[in-house]
Amino acid sequence: MTTLKPYVGSDDYPEDAAILIFAHNTKEAKTIGWPTIKEFCNCEYTQMRIKRLPAEDYIMKQADQNKLQNGVPHIIDSPQTCKNCEWWGRELNEDGYCEGCQDERDDKL
């Protein structure tokens, strides 16, 4: 069994909507992510973009751990986001902020 890898799935504008996908390869990621991206973005299949993410602990923790261990591809349509900028795919501190937003908060204090 091959290991699942993390991917981001979006249309041409990932800042508008993006999902976290765990799949064996890019083709599989696009196949399982397409129904959700179509619903979120109202785009064509050819506009869907898949990008592999680093398998960092903070990303892998968001997977359904049972599916991850059993090699079952799946999507996370609402990954954990920063409390301030609402972006995901960045490591969050214990207060729920990414490094950039935490630095801004520290500068204001």
PDB file of N, CA and C in Angstrom:
ATOM      1  N   MET A   1       0.846  -1.177   0.000  1.00  0.00           N
ATOM      2  CA  MET A   1       0.000   0.000   0.000  1.00  0.00           C
ATOM      3  C   MET A   1       0.889   1.237   0.000  1.00  0.00           C
ATOM      4  N   THR A   2       0.561   2.221  -0.854  1.00  0.00           N
ATOM      5  CA  THR A   2       1.325   3.460  -0.876  1.00  0.00           C
ATOM      6  C   THR A   2       0.733   4.452   0.120  1.00  0.00           C
ATOM      7  N   THR A   3       1.552   5.358   0.511  1.00  0.00           N
ATOM      8  CA  THR A   3       1.152   6.349   1.501  1.00  0.00           C
ATOM      9  C   THR A   3       0.361   7.474   0.850  1.00  0.00           C
ATOM     10  N   LEU A   4      -0.661   7.953   1.550  1.00  0.00           N
ATOM     11  CA  LEU A   4      -1.413   9.099   1.057  1.00  0.00           C
ATOM     12  C   LEU A   4      -0.567  10.358   1.203  1.00  0.00           C
ATOM     13  N   LYS A   5      -0.701  11.242   0.238  1.00  0.00           N
ATOM     14  CA  LYS A   5       0.019  12.508   0.236  1.00  0.00           C
ATOM     15  C   LYS A   5      -1.003  13.647   0.312  1.00  0.00           C
ATOM     16  N   PRO A   6      -0.622  14.768   0.920  1.00  0.00           N
ATOM     17  CA  PRO A   6      -1.546  15.904   0.985  1.00  0.00           C
ATOM     18  C   PRO A   6      -1.468  16.782  -0.262  1.00  0.00           C
ATOM     19  N   TYR A   7      -2.626  17.250  -0.691  1.00  0.00           N
ATOM     20  CA  TYR A   7      -2.738  18.140  -1.847  1.00  0.00           C
ATOM     21  C   TYR A   7      -3.731  19.251  -1.515  1.00  0.00           C
ATOM     22  N   VAL A   8      -3.567  20.382  -2.167  1.00  0.00           N
ATOM     23  CA  VAL A   8      -4.577  21.426  -2.115  1.00  0.00           C
ATOM     24  C   VAL A   8      -5.304  21.390  -3.451  1.00  0.00           C
ATOM     25  N   GLY A   9      -6.619  21.471  -3.396  1.00  0.00           N
ATOM     26  CA  GLY A   9      -7.438  21.515  -4.599  1.00  0.00           C
ATOM     27  C   GLY A   9      -8.203  22.822  -4.637  1.00  0.00           C
ATOM     28  N   SER A  10      -8.203  23.474  -5.807  1.00  0.00           N
ATOM     29  CA  SER A  10      -8.886  24.761  -5.944  1.00  0.00           C
ATOM     30  C   SER A  10      -9.189  25.016  -7.418  1.00  0.00           C
ATOM     31  N   ASP A  11      -9.792  26.164  -7.689  1.00  0.00           N
ATOM     32  CA  ASP A  11      -9.894  26.607  -9.072  1.00  0.00           C
ATOM     33  C   ASP A  11      -8.692  27.510  -9.336  1.00  0.00           C
ATOM     34  N   ASP A  12      -8.800  28.407 -10.278  1.00  0.00           N
ATOM     35  CA  ASP A  12      -7.680  29.298 -10.587  1.00  0.00           C
ATOM     36  C   ASP A  12      -7.358  30.264  -9.452  1.00  0.00           C
ATOM     37  N   TYR A  13      -8.257  30.415  -8.498  1.00  0.00           N
ATOM     38  CA  TYR A  13      -8.090  31.375  -7.407  1.00  0.00           C
ATOM     39  C   TYR A  13      -8.214  30.672  -6.049  1.00  0.00           C
ATOM     40  N   PRO A  14      -7.137  30.050  -5.578  1.00  0.00           N
ATOM     41  CA  PRO A  14      -7.223  29.291  -4.325  1.00  0.00           C
ATOM     42  C   PRO A  14      -7.548  30.150  -3.103  1.00  0.00           C
ATOM     43  N   GLU A  15      -7.323  31.457  -3.205  1.00  0.00           N
ATOM     44  CA  GLU A  15      -7.660  32.321  -2.074  1.00  0.00           C
ATOM     45  C   GLU A  15      -9.166  32.435  -1.866  1.00  0.00           C
ATOM     46  N   ASP A  16      -9.952  32.096  -2.890  1.00  0.00           N
ATOM     47  CA  ASP A  16     -11.407  32.137  -2.762  1.00  0.00           C
ATOM     48  C   ASP A  16     -11.959  30.882  -2.099  1.00  0.00           C
ATOM     49  N   ALA A  17     -11.440  29.732  -2.481  1.00  0.00           N
ATOM     50  CA  ALA A  17     -11.883  28.462  -1.903  1.00  0.00           C
ATOM     51  C   ALA A  17     -10.866  27.389  -2.250  1.00  0.00           C
ATOM     52  N   ALA A  18     -10.510  26.602  -1.258  1.00  0.00           N
ATOM     53  CA  ALA A  18      -9.561  25.507  -1.473  1.00  0.00           C
ATOM     54  C   ALA A  18      -9.874  24.398  -0.477  1.00  0.00           C
ATOM     55  N   ILE A  19      -9.603  23.166  -0.892  1.00  0.00           N
ATOM     56  CA  ILE A  19      -9.829  22.025  -0.016  1.00  0.00           C
ATOM     57  C   ILE A  19      -8.527  21.256   0.160  1.00  0.00           C
ATOM     58  N   LEU A  20      -8.453  20.528   1.253  1.00  0.00           N
ATOM     59  CA  LEU A  20      -7.316  19.669   1.549  1.00  0.00           C
ATOM     60  C   LEU A  20      -7.685  18.258   1.117  1.00  0.00           C
ATOM     61  N   ILE A  21      -6.828  17.649   0.317  1.00  0.00           N
ATOM     62  CA  ILE A  21      -7.090  16.322  -0.227  1.00  0.00           C
ATOM     63  C   ILE A  21      -5.952  15.387   0.168  1.00  0.00           C
ATOM     64  N   PHE A  22      -6.301  14.194   0.583  1.00  0.00           N
ATOM     65  CA  PHE A  22      -5.311  13.152   0.853  1.00  0.00           C
ATOM     66  C   PHE A  22      -5.533  12.051  -0.176  1.00  0.00           C
ATOM     67  N   ALA A  23      -4.525  11.853  -1.018  1.00  0.00           N
ATOM     68  CA  ALA A  23      -4.640  10.892  -2.113  1.00  0.00           C
ATOM     69  C   ALA A  23      -3.281  10.271  -2.402  1.00  0.00           C
ATOM     70  N   HIS A  24      -3.285   9.224  -3.210  1.00  0.00           N
ATOM     71  CA  HIS A  24      -2.049   8.534  -3.578  1.00  0.00           C
ATOM     72  C   HIS A  24      -1.249   9.285  -4.643  1.00  0.00           C
ATOM     73  N   ASN A  25      -1.964  10.033  -5.507  1.00  0.00           N
ATOM     74  CA  ASN A  25      -1.298  10.760  -6.582  1.00  0.00           C
ATOM     75  C   ASN A  25      -2.186  11.917  -7.036  1.00  0.00           C
ATOM     76  N   THR A  26      -1.650  12.732  -7.919  1.00  0.00           N
ATOM     77  CA  THR A  26      -2.359  13.932  -8.381  1.00  0.00           C
ATOM     78  C   THR A  26      -3.659  13.589  -9.108  1.00  0.00           C
ATOM     79  N   LYS A  27      -3.622  12.581  -9.959  1.00  0.00           N
ATOM     80  CA  LYS A  27      -4.822  12.200 -10.713  1.00  0.00           C
ATOM     81  C   LYS A  27      -5.955  11.799  -9.760  1.00  0.00           C
ATOM     82  N   GLU A  28      -5.622  11.000  -8.751  1.00  0.00           N
ATOM     83  CA  GLU A  28      -6.635  10.581  -7.781  1.00  0.00           C
ATOM     84  C   GLU A  28      -7.135  11.777  -6.980  1.00  0.00           C
ATOM     85  N   ALA A  29      -6.240  12.690  -6.623  1.00  0.00           N
ATOM     86  CA  ALA A  29      -6.635  13.885  -5.866  1.00  0.00           C
ATOM     87  C   ALA A  29      -7.643  14.714  -6.661  1.00  0.00           C
ATOM     88  N   LYS A  30      -7.396  14.873  -7.955  1.00  0.00           N
ATOM     89  CA  LYS A  30      -8.314  15.652  -8.783  1.00  0.00           C
ATOM     90  C   LYS A  30      -9.660  14.949  -8.911  1.00  0.00           C
ATOM     91  N   THR A  31      -9.632  13.639  -9.062  1.00  0.00           N
ATOM     92  CA  THR A  31     -10.872  12.871  -9.205  1.00  0.00           C
ATOM     93  C   THR A  31     -11.750  12.973  -7.965  1.00  0.00           C
ATOM     94  N   ILE A  32     -11.162  12.788  -6.787  1.00  0.00           N
ATOM     95  CA  ILE A  32     -12.006  12.814  -5.579  1.00  0.00           C
ATOM     96  C   ILE A  32     -12.331  14.240  -5.125  1.00  0.00           C
ATOM     97  N   GLY A  33     -11.494  15.204  -5.503  1.00  0.00           N
ATOM     98  CA  GLY A  33     -11.734  16.583  -5.106  1.00  0.00           C
ATOM     99  C   GLY A  33     -12.698  17.335  -6.003  1.00  0.00           C
ATOM    100  N   TRP A  34     -12.843  16.872  -7.241  1.00  0.00           N
ATOM    101  CA  TRP A  34     -13.657  17.585  -8.220  1.00  0.00           C
ATOM    102  C   TRP A  34     -15.090  17.874  -7.775  1.00  0.00           C
ATOM    103  N   PRO A  35     -15.857  16.932  -7.242  1.00  0.00           N
ATOM    104  CA  PRO A  35     -17.242  17.258  -6.873  1.00  0.00           C
ATOM    105  C   PRO A  35     -17.334  18.419  -5.869  1.00  0.00           C
ATOM    106  N   THR A  36     -16.420  18.471  -4.920  1.00  0.00           N
ATOM    107  CA  THR A  36     -16.453  19.538  -3.917  1.00  0.00           C
ATOM    108  C   THR A  36     -16.009  20.865  -4.513  1.00  0.00           C
ATOM    109  N   ILE A  37     -14.944  20.857  -5.301  1.00  0.00           N
ATOM    110  CA  ILE A  37     -14.479  22.096  -5.942  1.00  0.00           C
ATOM    111  C   ILE A  37     -15.555  22.646  -6.875  1.00  0.00           C
ATOM    112  N   LYS A  38     -16.215  21.779  -7.613  1.00  0.00           N
ATOM    113  CA  LYS A  38     -17.279  22.222  -8.524  1.00  0.00           C
ATOM    114  C   LYS A  38     -18.385  22.921  -7.732  1.00  0.00           C
ATOM    115  N   GLU A  39     -18.737  22.344  -6.598  1.00  0.00           N
ATOM    116  CA  GLU A  39     -19.780  22.921  -5.751  1.00  0.00           C
ATOM    117  C   GLU A  39     -19.340  24.268  -5.162  1.00  0.00           C
ATOM    118  N   PHE A  40     -18.107  24.327  -4.666  1.00  0.00           N
ATOM    119  CA  PHE A  40     -17.600  25.552  -4.035  1.00  0.00           C
ATOM    120  C   PHE A  40     -17.362  26.678  -5.036  1.00  0.00           C
ATOM    121  N   CYS A  41     -16.812  26.344  -6.190  1.00  0.00           N
ATOM    122  CA  CYS A  41     -16.295  27.369  -7.103  1.00  0.00           C
ATOM    123  C   CYS A  41     -17.096  27.556  -8.382  1.00  0.00           C
ATOM    124  N   ASN A  42     -17.989  26.624  -8.683  1.00  0.00           N
ATOM    125  CA  ASN A  42     -18.760  26.687  -9.913  1.00  0.00           C
ATOM    126  C   ASN A  42     -17.838  26.866 -11.126  1.00  0.00           C
ATOM    127  N   CYS A  43     -16.831  26.008 -11.208  1.00  0.00           N
ATOM    128  CA  CYS A  43     -15.849  26.090 -12.291  1.00  0.00           C
ATOM    129  C   CYS A  43     -15.911  24.826 -13.141  1.00  0.00           C
ATOM    130  N   GLU A  44     -15.191  24.853 -14.240  1.00  0.00           N
ATOM    131  CA  GLU A  44     -15.084  23.695 -15.115  1.00  0.00           C
ATOM    132  C   GLU A  44     -13.973  22.776 -14.616  1.00  0.00           C
ATOM    133  N   TYR A  45     -14.040  21.508 -14.998  1.00  0.00           N
ATOM    134  CA  TYR A  45     -13.032  20.528 -14.592  1.00  0.00           C
ATOM    135  C   TYR A  45     -11.633  20.969 -15.002  1.00  0.00           C
ATOM    136  N   THR A  46     -11.510  21.570 -16.155  1.00  0.00           N
ATOM    137  CA  THR A  46     -10.196  22.006 -16.647  1.00  0.00           C
ATOM    138  C   THR A  46      -9.642  23.192 -15.859  1.00  0.00           C
ATOM    139  N   GLN A  47     -10.477  23.862 -15.086  1.00  0.00           N
ATOM    140  CA  GLN A  47     -10.012  24.979 -14.263  1.00  0.00           C
ATOM    141  C   GLN A  47      -9.532  24.524 -12.884  1.00  0.00           C
ATOM    142  N   MET A  48      -9.793  23.280 -12.547  1.00  0.00           N
ATOM    143  CA  MET A  48      -9.388  22.783 -11.235  1.00  0.00           C
ATOM    144  C   MET A  48      -7.873  22.621 -11.177  1.00  0.00           C
ATOM    145  N   ARG A  49      -7.302  23.042 -10.082  1.00  0.00           N
ATOM    146  CA  ARG A  49      -5.861  22.955  -9.869  1.00  0.00           C
ATOM    147  C   ARG A  49      -5.566  22.068  -8.668  1.00  0.00           C
ATOM    148  N   ILE A  50      -4.532  21.252  -8.795  1.00  0.00           N
ATOM    149  CA  ILE A  50      -4.072  20.381  -7.709  1.00  0.00           C
ATOM    150  C   ILE A  50      -2.601  20.693  -7.473  1.00  0.00           C
ATOM    151  N   LYS A  51      -2.246  20.895  -6.230  1.00  0.00           N
ATOM    152  CA  LYS A  51      -0.844  21.148  -5.879  1.00  0.00           C
ATOM    153  C   LYS A  51      -0.486  20.298  -4.671  1.00  0.00           C
ATOM    154  N   ARG A  52       0.613  19.599  -4.776  1.00  0.00           N
ATOM    155  CA  ARG A  52       1.070  18.768  -3.657  1.00  0.00           C
ATOM    156  C   ARG A  52       1.628  19.648  -2.549  1.00  0.00           C
ATOM    157  N   LEU A  53       1.281  19.291  -1.332  1.00  0.00           N
ATOM    158  CA  LEU A  53       1.758  20.000  -0.153  1.00  0.00           C
ATOM    159  C   LEU A  53       2.822  19.177   0.557  1.00  0.00           C
ATOM    160  N   PRO A  54       3.663  19.815   1.347  1.00  0.00           N
ATOM    161  CA  PRO A  54       4.619  19.036   2.140  1.00  0.00           C
ATOM    162  C   PRO A  54       3.865  18.238   3.205  1.00  0.00           C
ATOM    163  N   ALA A  55       4.324  17.070   3.498  1.00  0.00           N
ATOM    164  CA  ALA A  55       3.661  16.204   4.493  1.00  0.00           C
ATOM    165  C   ALA A  55       4.108  16.596   5.909  1.00  0.00           C
ATOM    166  N   GLU A  56       3.896  17.848   6.243  1.00  0.00           N
ATOM    167  CA  GLU A  56       4.237  18.356   7.574  1.00  0.00           C
ATOM    168  C   GLU A  56       3.241  17.819   8.599  1.00  0.00           C
ATOM    169  N   ASP A  57       3.682  17.665   9.830  1.00  0.00           N
ATOM    170  CA  ASP A  57       2.814  17.139  10.886  1.00  0.00           C
ATOM    171  C   ASP A  57       1.511  17.927  11.011  1.00  0.00           C
ATOM    172  N   TYR A  58       1.584  19.263  10.972  1.00  0.00           N
ATOM    173  CA  TYR A  58       0.384  20.075  11.159  1.00  0.00           C
ATOM    174  C   TYR A  58      -0.621  19.883  10.027  1.00  0.00           C
ATOM    175  N   ILE A  59      -0.167  19.472   8.855  1.00  0.00           N
ATOM    176  CA  ILE A  59      -1.086  19.175   7.752  1.00  0.00           C
ATOM    177  C   ILE A  59      -1.634  17.760   7.905  1.00  0.00           C
ATOM    178  N   MET A  60      -0.758  16.815   8.201  1.00  0.00           N
ATOM    179  CA  MET A  60      -1.175  15.412   8.305  1.00  0.00           C
ATOM    180  C   MET A  60      -2.137  15.180   9.473  1.00  0.00           C
ATOM    181  N   LYS A  61      -2.058  15.989  10.519  1.00  0.00           N
ATOM    182  CA  LYS A  61      -2.970  15.853  11.665  1.00  0.00           C
ATOM    183  C   LYS A  61      -4.411  16.173  11.293  1.00  0.00           C
ATOM    184  N   GLN A  62      -4.603  16.901  10.186  1.00  0.00           N
ATOM    185  CA  GLN A  62      -5.961  17.266   9.782  1.00  0.00           C
ATOM    186  C   GLN A  62      -6.679  16.146   9.027  1.00  0.00           C
ATOM    187  N   ALA A  63      -5.928  15.153   8.622  1.00  0.00           N
ATOM    188  CA  ALA A  63      -6.531  14.016   7.911  1.00  0.00           C
ATOM    189  C   ALA A  63      -7.418  13.211   8.852  1.00  0.00           C
ATOM    190  N   ASP A  64      -8.366  12.496   8.276  1.00  0.00           N
ATOM    191  CA  ASP A  64      -9.106  11.491   9.029  1.00  0.00           C
ATOM    192  C   ASP A  64      -8.082  10.393   9.302  1.00  0.00           C
ATOM    193  N   GLN A  65      -7.678  10.252  10.544  1.00  0.00           N
ATOM    194  CA  GLN A  65      -6.563   9.380  10.887  1.00  0.00           C
ATOM    195  C   GLN A  65      -6.841   7.912  10.559  1.00  0.00           C
ATOM    196  N   ASN A  66      -8.059   7.471  10.692  1.00  0.00           N
ATOM    197  CA  ASN A  66      -8.407   6.093  10.335  1.00  0.00           C
ATOM    198  C   ASN A  66      -8.231   5.868   8.836  1.00  0.00           C
ATOM    199  N   LYS A  67      -8.732   6.806   8.032  1.00  0.00           N
ATOM    200  CA  LYS A  67      -8.586   6.693   6.583  1.00  0.00           C
ATOM    201  C   LYS A  67      -7.125   6.818   6.178  1.00  0.00           C
ATOM    202  N   LEU A  68      -6.401   7.700   6.835  1.00  0.00           N
ATOM    203  CA  LEU A  68      -4.983   7.881   6.527  1.00  0.00           C
ATOM    204  C   LEU A  68      -4.211   6.590   6.775  1.00  0.00           C
ATOM    205  N   GLN A  69      -4.443   5.963   7.920  1.00  0.00           N
ATOM    206  CA  GLN A  69      -3.740   4.727   8.266  1.00  0.00           C
ATOM    207  C   GLN A  69      -4.097   3.577   7.335  1.00  0.00           C
ATOM    208  N   ASN A  70      -5.323   3.599   6.815  1.00  0.00           N
ATOM    209  CA  ASN A  70      -5.783   2.519   5.939  1.00  0.00           C
ATOM    210  C   ASN A  70      -5.634   2.838   4.456  1.00  0.00           C
ATOM    211  N   GLY A  71      -5.028   3.982   4.148  1.00  0.00           N
ATOM    212  CA  GLY A  71      -4.789   4.341   2.755  1.00  0.00           C
ATOM    213  C   GLY A  71      -6.033   4.678   1.964  1.00  0.00           C
ATOM    214  N   VAL A  72      -7.053   5.208   2.630  1.00  0.00           N
ATOM    215  CA  VAL A  72      -8.309   5.558   1.966  1.00  0.00           C
ATOM    216  C   VAL A  72      -8.284   7.046   1.586  1.00  0.00           C
ATOM    217  N   PRO A  73      -8.271   7.361   0.300  1.00  0.00           N
ATOM    218  CA  PRO A  73      -8.261   8.762  -0.127  1.00  0.00           C
ATOM    219  C   PRO A  73      -9.501   9.504   0.379  1.00  0.00           C
ATOM    220  N   HIS A  74      -9.331  10.775   0.729  1.00  0.00           N
ATOM    221  CA  HIS A  74     -10.452  11.560   1.242  1.00  0.00           C
ATOM    222  C   HIS A  74     -10.132  13.048   1.181  1.00  0.00           C
ATOM    223  N   ILE A  75     -11.177  13.850   1.391  1.00  0.00           N
ATOM    224  CA  ILE A  75     -10.997  15.301   1.398  1.00  0.00           C
ATOM    225  C   ILE A  75     -11.374  15.868   2.761  1.00  0.00           C
ATOM    226  N   ILE A  76     -10.794  17.008   3.052  1.00  0.00           N
ATOM    227  CA  ILE A  76     -11.170  17.809   4.204  1.00  0.00           C
ATOM    228  C   ILE A  76     -11.615  19.142   3.602  1.00  0.00           C
ATOM    229  N   ASP A  77     -12.922  19.401   3.614  1.00  0.00           N
ATOM    230  CA  ASP A  77     -13.398  20.610   2.943  1.00  0.00           C
ATOM    231  C   ASP A  77     -13.338  21.858   3.815  1.00  0.00           C
ATOM    232  N   SER A  78     -13.062  21.676   5.104  1.00  0.00           N
ATOM    233  CA  SER A  78     -12.910  22.820   6.009  1.00  0.00           C
ATOM    234  C   SER A  78     -11.687  22.617   6.894  1.00  0.00           C
ATOM    235  N   PRO A  79     -10.485  22.755   6.321  1.00  0.00           N
ATOM    236  CA  PRO A  79      -9.281  22.598   7.145  1.00  0.00           C
ATOM    237  C   PRO A  79      -9.211  23.675   8.226  1.00  0.00           C
ATOM    238  N   GLN A  80      -8.454  23.398   9.256  1.00  0.00           N
ATOM    239  CA  GLN A  80      -8.294  24.351  10.353  1.00  0.00           C
ATOM    240  C   GLN A  80      -7.598  25.604   9.829  1.00  0.00           C
ATOM    241  N   THR A  81      -8.168  26.773  10.132  1.00  0.00           N
ATOM    242  CA  THR A  81      -7.637  28.033   9.626  1.00  0.00           C
ATOM    243  C   THR A  81      -7.156  28.933  10.760  1.00  0.00           C
ATOM    244  N   CYS A  82      -6.328  29.896  10.393  1.00  0.00           N
ATOM    245  CA  CYS A  82      -5.857  30.912  11.337  1.00  0.00           C
ATOM    246  C   CYS A  82      -7.044  31.751  11.789  1.00  0.00           C
ATOM    247  N   LYS A  83      -7.084  32.081  13.057  1.00  0.00           N
ATOM    248  CA  LYS A  83      -8.182  32.885  13.593  1.00  0.00           C
ATOM    249  C   LYS A  83      -8.244  34.283  12.998  1.00  0.00           C
ATOM    250  N   ASN A  84      -7.124  34.776  12.510  1.00  0.00           N
ATOM    251  CA  ASN A  84      -7.088  36.141  11.987  1.00  0.00           C
ATOM    252  C   ASN A  84      -7.237  36.184  10.469  1.00  0.00           C
ATOM    253  N   CYS A  85      -6.312  35.593   9.734  1.00  0.00           N
ATOM    254  CA  CYS A  85      -6.322  35.696   8.268  1.00  0.00           C
ATOM    255  C   CYS A  85      -7.216  34.645   7.606  1.00  0.00           C
ATOM    256  N   GLU A  86      -7.596  33.622   8.352  1.00  0.00           N
ATOM    257  CA  GLU A  86      -8.481  32.553   7.896  1.00  0.00           C
ATOM    258  C   GLU A  86      -7.880  31.710   6.770  1.00  0.00           C
ATOM    259  N   TRP A  87      -6.560  31.736   6.600  1.00  0.00           N
ATOM    260  CA  TRP A  87      -5.892  30.875   5.635  1.00  0.00           C
ATOM    261  C   TRP A  87      -5.535  29.580   6.327  1.00  0.00           C
ATOM    262  N   TRP A  88      -5.488  28.506   5.564  1.00  0.00           N
ATOM    263  CA  TRP A  88      -5.044  27.230   6.119  1.00  0.00           C
ATOM    264  C   TRP A  88      -3.784  26.796   5.365  1.00  0.00           C
ATOM    265  N   GLY A  89      -3.170  25.736   5.844  1.00  0.00           N
ATOM    266  CA  GLY A  89      -1.942  25.257   5.224  1.00  0.00           C
ATOM    267  C   GLY A  89      -0.702  25.831   5.870  1.00  0.00           C
ATOM    268  N   ARG A  90      -0.909  26.566   6.939  1.00  0.00           N
ATOM    269  CA  ARG A  90       0.186  27.132   7.711  1.00  0.00           C
ATOM    270  C   ARG A  90       0.107  26.564   9.123  1.00  0.00           C
ATOM    271  N   GLU A  91       1.257  26.409   9.734  1.00  0.00           N
ATOM    272  CA  GLU A  91       1.266  25.904  11.102  1.00  0.00           C
ATOM    273  C   GLU A  91       0.673  26.958  12.032  1.00  0.00           C
ATOM    274  N   LEU A  92      -0.205  26.521  12.923  1.00  0.00           N
ATOM    275  CA  LEU A  92      -0.853  27.427  13.869  1.00  0.00           C
ATOM    276  C   LEU A  92      -0.279  27.211  15.255  1.00  0.00           C
ATOM    277  N   ASN A  93      -0.191  28.311  16.022  1.00  0.00           N
ATOM    278  CA  ASN A  93       0.284  28.178  17.395  1.00  0.00           C
ATOM    279  C   ASN A  93      -0.863  27.706  18.291  1.00  0.00           C
ATOM    280  N   GLU A  94      -0.585  27.561  19.563  1.00  0.00           N
ATOM    281  CA  GLU A  94      -1.607  27.035  20.487  1.00  0.00           C
ATOM    282  C   GLU A  94      -2.816  27.947  20.616  1.00  0.00           C
ATOM    283  N   ASP A  95      -2.672  29.229  20.240  1.00  0.00           N
ATOM    284  CA  ASP A  95      -3.801  30.162  20.274  1.00  0.00           C
ATOM    285  C   ASP A  95      -4.592  30.184  18.969  1.00  0.00           C
ATOM    286  N   GLY A  96      -4.114  29.441  17.949  1.00  0.00           N
ATOM    287  CA  GLY A  96      -4.832  29.353  16.688  1.00  0.00           C
ATOM    288  C   GLY A  96      -4.438  30.392  15.650  1.00  0.00           C
ATOM    289  N   TYR A  97      -3.232  30.979  15.781  1.00  0.00           N
ATOM    290  CA  TYR A  97      -2.761  31.980  14.837  1.00  0.00           C
ATOM    291  C   TYR A  97      -1.539  31.474  14.076  1.00  0.00           C
ATOM    292  N   CYS A  98      -1.443  31.852  12.784  1.00  0.00           N
ATOM    293  CA  CYS A  98      -0.241  31.543  12.025  1.00  0.00           C
ATOM    294  C   CYS A  98       0.873  32.493  12.479  1.00  0.00           C
ATOM    295  N   GLU A  99       2.085  32.195  12.077  1.00  0.00           N
ATOM    296  CA  GLU A  99       3.234  32.982  12.531  1.00  0.00           C
ATOM    297  C   GLU A  99       3.111  34.457  12.158  1.00  0.00           C
ATOM    298  N   GLY A 100       2.696  34.745  10.928  1.00  0.00           N
ATOM    299  CA  GLY A 100       2.558  36.140  10.492  1.00  0.00           C
ATOM    300  C   GLY A 100       1.538  36.911  11.302  1.00  0.00           C
ATOM    301  N   CYS A 101       0.400  36.304  11.552  1.00  0.00           N
ATOM    302  CA  CYS A 101      -0.644  36.983  12.322  1.00  0.00           C
ATOM    303  C   CYS A 101      -0.238  37.128  13.787  1.00  0.00           C
ATOM    304  N   GLN A 102       0.473  36.143  14.317  1.00  0.00           N
ATOM    305  CA  GLN A 102       0.939  36.250  15.703  1.00  0.00           C
ATOM    306  C   GLN A 102       1.958  37.386  15.816  1.00  0.00           C
ATOM    307  N   ASP A 103       2.825  37.530  14.828  1.00  0.00           N
ATOM    308  CA  ASP A 103       3.799  38.636  14.841  1.00  0.00           C
ATOM    309  C   ASP A 103       3.083  39.981  14.834  1.00  0.00           C
ATOM    310  N   GLU A 104       2.019  40.103  14.030  1.00  0.00           N
ATOM    311  CA  GLU A 104       1.226  41.348  13.993  1.00  0.00           C
ATOM    312  C   GLU A 104       0.595  41.615  15.347  1.00  0.00           C
ATOM    313  N   ARG A 105       0.073  40.579  15.981  1.00  0.00           N
ATOM    314  CA  ARG A 105      -0.549  40.745  17.299  1.00  0.00           C
ATOM    315  C   ARG A 105       0.499  41.182  18.329  1.00  0.00           C
ATOM    316  N   ASP A 106       1.688  40.598  18.260  1.00  0.00           N
ATOM    317  CA  ASP A 106       2.755  40.946  19.195  1.00  0.00           C
ATOM    318  C   ASP A 106       3.199  42.395  18.996  1.00  0.00           C
ATOM    319  N   ASP A 107       3.234  42.858  17.727  1.00  0.00           N
ATOM    320  CA  ASP A 107       3.650  44.230  17.437  1.00  0.00           C
ATOM    321  C   ASP A 107       2.652  45.246  17.995  1.00  0.00           C
ATOM    322  N   LYS A 108       1.393  44.863  18.088  1.00  0.00           N
ATOM    323  CA  LYS A 108       0.353  45.787  18.585  1.00  0.00           C
ATOM    324  C   LYS A 108       0.347  45.884  20.107  1.00  0.00           C
ATOM    325  N   LEU A 109       0.983  44.940  20.769  1.00  0.00           N
ATOM    326  CA  LEU A 109       0.987  44.945  22.236  1.00  0.00           C
ATOM    327  C   LEU A 109       1.981  45.911  22.795  1.00  0.00           C
TER     328      LEU A 109
END
